[in-house]
Protein backbone atom coordinates (compact mmCIF):
# COMPACT_ATOMS: atom_id res chain seq x y z
CA MET A 1 29.26 -3.90 -20.28
CA SER A 2 27.31 -5.18 -23.28
CA ALA A 3 23.69 -4.31 -24.15
CA SER A 4 22.40 -7.75 -23.22
CA VAL A 5 23.98 -7.65 -19.68
CA ALA A 6 22.55 -4.35 -19.12
CA ASN A 7 19.18 -5.34 -20.32
CA LEU A 8 19.27 -8.45 -18.03
CA LYS A 9 20.18 -6.18 -15.11
CA TYR A 10 17.32 -3.83 -15.96
CA HIS A 11 14.93 -6.81 -15.97
CA ILE A 12 16.10 -8.19 -12.70
CA TYR A 13 15.78 -4.69 -10.93
CA ASN A 14 12.34 -4.31 -12.48
CA ARG A 15 11.18 -7.68 -11.28
CA ARG A 16 12.48 -7.15 -7.81
CA PHE A 17 10.87 -3.70 -7.69
CA GLY A 18 7.45 -5.41 -8.90
CA LEU A 19 7.94 -8.03 -6.15
CA TRP A 20 8.33 -5.37 -3.50
CA LEU A 21 5.29 -3.54 -4.66
CA PHE A 22 3.33 -6.71 -4.58
CA ILE A 23 4.50 -7.44 -1.02
CA ALA A 24 3.64 -3.91 0.14
CA SER A 25 0.24 -4.02 -1.43
CA GLU A 26 -0.67 -7.33 0.02
CA SER A 27 0.53 -6.10 3.37
CA VAL A 28 -1.91 -3.16 3.10
CA ILE A 29 -4.69 -5.31 2.27
CA PHE A 30 -3.99 -7.72 5.10
CA LEU A 31 -3.70 -4.91 7.73
CA THR A 32 -6.93 -3.26 6.48
CA LEU A 33 -8.68 -6.54 6.99
CA LEU A 34 -7.08 -6.99 10.36
CA VAL A 35 -8.16 -3.46 11.57
CA THR A 36 -11.66 -3.97 10.03
CA ARG A 37 -12.16 -7.19 11.97
CA PHE A 38 -11.49 -5.58 15.20
CA TYR A 39 -13.49 -2.34 14.13
CA MET A 40 -16.46 -4.52 13.48
CA GLN A 41 -16.22 -6.40 16.81
CA GLY A 42 -16.34 -3.07 18.56
CA THR A 43 -12.93 -3.48 20.34
CA PHE A 44 -11.24 -0.69 18.23
CA ARG A 45 -12.91 2.81 17.64
CA PRO A 46 -10.62 5.45 16.27
CA HIS A 47 -10.90 9.00 17.56
CA GLU A 48 -13.11 11.27 15.60
CA LYS A 49 -10.19 13.63 14.89
CA TRP A 50 -8.18 10.74 13.37
CA ARG A 51 -11.21 9.60 11.19
CA SER A 52 -11.66 13.15 9.80
CA HIS A 53 -7.95 13.52 8.93
CA THR A 54 -7.94 10.20 7.28
CA GLY A 55 -11.08 10.99 5.25
CA ILE A 56 -9.51 14.30 4.02
CA ALA A 57 -6.29 12.61 3.03
CA ALA A 58 -8.16 9.77 1.12
CA ASP A 59 -10.48 12.48 -0.62
CA SER A 60 -7.64 14.62 -1.66
CA SER A 61 -5.49 11.72 -2.91
CA ALA A 62 -8.60 10.36 -4.89
CA THR A 63 -9.33 13.63 -6.54
CA SER A 64 -5.61 14.54 -7.34
CA SER A 65 -5.40 11.52 -9.58
């Protein structure tokens, strides 16, 4: 396999990976907006235990980076 073919495959794989990252991030944004809509309407209220675990996870991930 020549270097140009390997380079082309690398770019194709890299672009596909970037596309999947984009799709995943947009899905997270969409789901967050959807949950926020129902939360603000008052039809969805998570349990206090779930909220505290989520806050701890978000805080630890923010401080680790």
